[in-house]
Amino acid sequence: MKATIWHNPRCSKSRQALAILEERPGVEIEVVEYLKTPPSRAEIEATLKKAGVAPSQAVRKGESVAREIGLDTEDDTAALNAMAEHPILIERPIVITEKGAVIARPPEKANEVL
């Protein structure tokens, strides 16, 4: 099975989710450091749809950039646009497999798509 993780190595939850993937036998892991290689707006939208999560539920509301740009975090279109422009706003980590996608918070949620 292939698993892709949108990963931020500075985030403990992201590191824990990656460790869960690494411990699972037979899982081929693709690590995407989304701050270095940001997903497109379309990729974010498709991934959140696959996860069954609205953009307003996947935006990091506490990030300073959200306040700086005056983001209405309850507006799905505005949240999606902001995440595409400022990937730091994407909640992390996100694990994607053929079984679905999940925001792995807590990290054990990664098991839901393995």
C-alpha atoms as a PDB file:
ATOM      1  CA  MET A   1       0.000   0.000   0.000  1.00  0.00           C
ATOM      2  CA  LYS A   2       1.151   3.514  -0.776  1.00  0.00           C
ATOM      3  CA  ALA A   3       0.648   6.263   1.802  1.00  0.00           C
ATOM      4  CA  THR A   4       1.373   9.935   1.245  1.00  0.00           C
ATOM      5  CA  ILE A   5       1.859  12.197   4.234  1.00  0.00           C
ATOM      6  CA  TRP A   6       1.754  15.985   4.072  1.00  0.00           C
ATOM      7  CA  HIS A   7       4.458  16.456   6.655  1.00  0.00           C
ATOM      8  CA  ASN A   8       6.065  19.238   8.644  1.00  0.00           C
ATOM      9  CA  PRO A   9       9.191  17.863  10.355  1.00  0.00           C
ATOM     10  CA  ARG A  10       9.020  20.629  12.984  1.00  0.00           C
ATOM     11  CA  CYS A  11       5.616  19.373  14.179  1.00  0.00           C
ATOM     12  CA  SER A  12       5.596  16.630  16.831  1.00  0.00           C
ATOM     13  CA  LYS A  13       2.184  15.314  15.709  1.00  0.00           C
ATOM     14  CA  SER A  14       3.446  15.072  12.149  1.00  0.00           C
ATOM     15  CA  ARG A  15       6.575  13.215  13.273  1.00  0.00           C
ATOM     16  CA  GLN A  16       4.430  10.825  15.332  1.00  0.00           C
ATOM     17  CA  ALA A  17       2.123  10.126  12.379  1.00  0.00           C
ATOM     18  CA  LEU A  18       5.127   9.453  10.137  1.00  0.00           C
ATOM     19  CA  ALA A  19       6.478   7.011  12.741  1.00  0.00           C
ATOM     20  CA  ILE A  20       3.144   5.148  12.683  1.00  0.00           C
ATOM     21  CA  LEU A  21       3.413   4.829   8.904  1.00  0.00           C
ATOM     22  CA  GLU A  22       7.043   3.676   9.127  1.00  0.00           C
ATOM     23  CA  GLU A  23       6.144   0.978  11.677  1.00  0.00           C
ATOM     24  CA  ARG A  24       3.440  -0.487   9.413  1.00  0.00           C
ATOM     25  CA  PRO A  25       4.798  -3.345   7.258  1.00  0.00           C
ATOM     26  CA  GLY A  26       4.144  -3.130   3.537  1.00  0.00           C
ATOM     27  CA  VAL A  27       3.482   0.597   3.463  1.00  0.00           C
ATOM     28  CA  GLU A  28       5.360   2.566   0.815  1.00  0.00           C
ATOM     29  CA  ILE A  29       5.582   6.109   2.183  1.00  0.00           C
ATOM     30  CA  GLU A  30       5.794   9.292   0.166  1.00  0.00           C
ATOM     31  CA  VAL A  31       6.711  12.212   2.399  1.00  0.00           C
ATOM     32  CA  VAL A  32       5.650  15.596   1.067  1.00  0.00           C
ATOM     33  CA  GLU A  33       7.055  18.493   3.043  1.00  0.00           C
ATOM     34  CA  TYR A  34       4.144  20.695   2.083  1.00  0.00           C
ATOM     35  CA  LEU A  35       5.825  23.899   3.251  1.00  0.00           C
ATOM     36  CA  LYS A  36       8.651  23.291   0.739  1.00  0.00           C
ATOM     37  CA  THR A  37       6.443  21.766  -1.972  1.00  0.00           C
ATOM     38  CA  PRO A  38       2.975  23.229  -1.450  1.00  0.00           C
ATOM     39  CA  PRO A  39      -0.027  21.446  -2.909  1.00  0.00           C
ATOM     40  CA  SER A  40      -2.159  23.361  -5.380  1.00  0.00           C
ATOM     41  CA  ARG A  41      -5.552  24.721  -4.447  1.00  0.00           C
ATOM     42  CA  ALA A  42      -7.126  21.883  -6.449  1.00  0.00           C
ATOM     43  CA  GLU A  43      -5.019  19.272  -4.602  1.00  0.00           C
ATOM     44  CA  ILE A  44      -5.975  20.732  -1.223  1.00  0.00           C
ATOM     45  CA  GLU A  45      -9.644  20.805  -2.183  1.00  0.00           C
ATOM     46  CA  ALA A  46      -9.613  17.211  -3.507  1.00  0.00           C
ATOM     47  CA  THR A  47      -7.738  15.893  -0.470  1.00  0.00           C
ATOM     48  CA  LEU A  48     -10.075  17.571   1.999  1.00  0.00           C
ATOM     49  CA  LYS A  49     -13.060  16.257   0.059  1.00  0.00           C
ATOM     50  CA  LYS A  50     -11.543  12.751   0.208  1.00  0.00           C
ATOM     51  CA  ALA A  51     -11.159  13.228   3.973  1.00  0.00           C
ATOM     52  CA  GLY A  52     -14.733  14.468   4.315  1.00  0.00           C
ATOM     53  CA  VAL A  53     -13.487  17.688   5.907  1.00  0.00           C
ATOM     54  CA  ALA A  54     -14.553  21.224   5.060  1.00  0.00           C
ATOM     55  CA  PRO A  55     -11.735  23.724   4.447  1.00  0.00           C
ATOM     56  CA  SER A  56     -12.911  25.721   7.467  1.00  0.00           C
ATOM     57  CA  GLN A  57     -12.264  22.612   9.605  1.00  0.00           C
ATOM     58  CA  ALA A  58      -8.764  22.083   8.177  1.00  0.00           C
ATOM     59  CA  VAL A  59      -7.350  25.581   8.486  1.00  0.00           C
ATOM     60  CA  ARG A  60      -4.930  26.354  11.312  1.00  0.00           C
ATOM     61  CA  LYS A  61      -6.835  29.207  12.914  1.00  0.00           C
ATOM     62  CA  GLY A  62      -4.102  30.049  15.427  1.00  0.00           C
ATOM     63  CA  GLU A  63      -1.382  30.802  12.877  1.00  0.00           C
ATOM     64  CA  SER A  64      -0.319  34.446  12.879  1.00  0.00           C
ATOM     65  CA  VAL A  65      -0.771  34.706   9.105  1.00  0.00           C
ATOM     66  CA  ALA A  66      -4.496  34.013   9.556  1.00  0.00           C
ATOM     67  CA  ARG A  67      -4.772  37.151  11.682  1.00  0.00           C
ATOM     68  CA  GLU A  68      -2.422  39.152   9.458  1.00  0.00           C
ATOM     69  CA  ILE A  69      -4.553  38.566   6.355  1.00  0.00           C
ATOM     70  CA  GLY A  70      -7.832  38.947   8.254  1.00  0.00           C
ATOM     71  CA  LEU A  71      -8.942  35.441   7.287  1.00  0.00           C
ATOM     72  CA  ASP A  72     -12.564  34.543   7.944  1.00  0.00           C
ATOM     73  CA  THR A  73     -11.779  30.980   9.040  1.00  0.00           C
ATOM     74  CA  GLU A  74     -15.448  29.986   8.852  1.00  0.00           C
ATOM     75  CA  ASP A  75     -15.635  30.798   5.121  1.00  0.00           C
ATOM     76  CA  ASP A  76     -14.712  27.611   3.232  1.00  0.00           C
ATOM     77  CA  THR A  77     -13.756  29.405   0.007  1.00  0.00           C
ATOM     78  CA  ALA A  78     -11.618  31.957   1.833  1.00  0.00           C
ATOM     79  CA  ALA A  79      -9.980  29.200   3.920  1.00  0.00           C
ATOM     80  CA  LEU A  80      -9.195  27.139   0.819  1.00  0.00           C
ATOM     81  CA  ASN A  81      -7.734  30.132  -1.005  1.00  0.00           C
ATOM     82  CA  ALA A  82      -5.670  31.086   2.034  1.00  0.00           C
ATOM     83  CA  MET A  83      -4.310  27.541   2.470  1.00  0.00           C
ATOM     84  CA  ALA A  84      -3.253  27.531  -1.184  1.00  0.00           C
ATOM     85  CA  GLU A  85      -1.486  30.863  -0.801  1.00  0.00           C
ATOM     86  CA  HIS A  86      -0.115  30.227   2.713  1.00  0.00           C
ATOM     87  CA  PRO A  87       0.436  26.464   3.166  1.00  0.00           C
ATOM     88  CA  ILE A  88       1.363  26.986   6.844  1.00  0.00           C
ATOM     89  CA  LEU A  89      -2.408  27.288   7.303  1.00  0.00           C
ATOM     90  CA  ILE A  90      -3.019  23.650   6.289  1.00  0.00           C
ATOM     91  CA  GLU A  91      -3.731  21.491   9.336  1.00  0.00           C
ATOM     92  CA  ARG A  92      -1.170  18.748   9.631  1.00  0.00           C
ATOM     93  CA  PRO A  93      -0.367  16.007   9.157  1.00  0.00           C
ATOM     94  CA  ILE A  94      -2.599  14.691   6.396  1.00  0.00           C
ATOM     95  CA  VAL A  95      -2.276  11.035   5.427  1.00  0.00           C
ATOM     96  CA  ILE A  96      -3.613   9.920   2.051  1.00  0.00           C
ATOM     97  CA  THR A  97      -4.050   6.347   0.780  1.00  0.00           C
ATOM     98  CA  GLU A  98      -6.378   4.621  -1.656  1.00  0.00           C
ATOM     99  CA  LYS A  99      -8.678   4.047   1.334  1.00  0.00           C
ATOM    100  CA  GLY A 100      -9.110   7.774   1.923  1.00  0.00           C
ATOM    101  CA  ALA A 101      -7.494  10.733   3.604  1.00  0.00           C
ATOM    102  CA  VAL A 102      -7.363  11.838   7.206  1.00  0.00           C
ATOM    103  CA  ILE A 103      -6.008  14.699   9.249  1.00  0.00           C
ATOM    104  CA  ALA A 104      -3.928  12.636  11.662  1.00  0.00           C
ATOM    105  CA  ARG A 105      -4.716  14.524  14.851  1.00  0.00           C
ATOM    106  CA  PRO A 106      -4.238  12.618  17.021  1.00  0.00           C
ATOM    107  CA  PRO A 107      -1.519  10.814  15.039  1.00  0.00           C
ATOM    108  CA  GLU A 108      -3.211   7.431  15.600  1.00  0.00           C
ATOM    109  CA  LYS A 109      -5.956   8.535  13.199  1.00  0.00           C
ATOM    110  CA  ALA A 110      -3.501   7.629  10.423  1.00  0.00           C
ATOM    111  CA  ASN A 111      -4.456   3.999  11.103  1.00  0.00           C
ATOM    112  CA  GLU A 112      -7.958   4.734   9.765  1.00  0.00           C
ATOM    113  CA  VAL A 113      -6.670   4.836   6.175  1.00  0.00           C
ATOM    114  CA  LEU A 114      -4.073   2.069   6.433  1.00  0.00           C
END
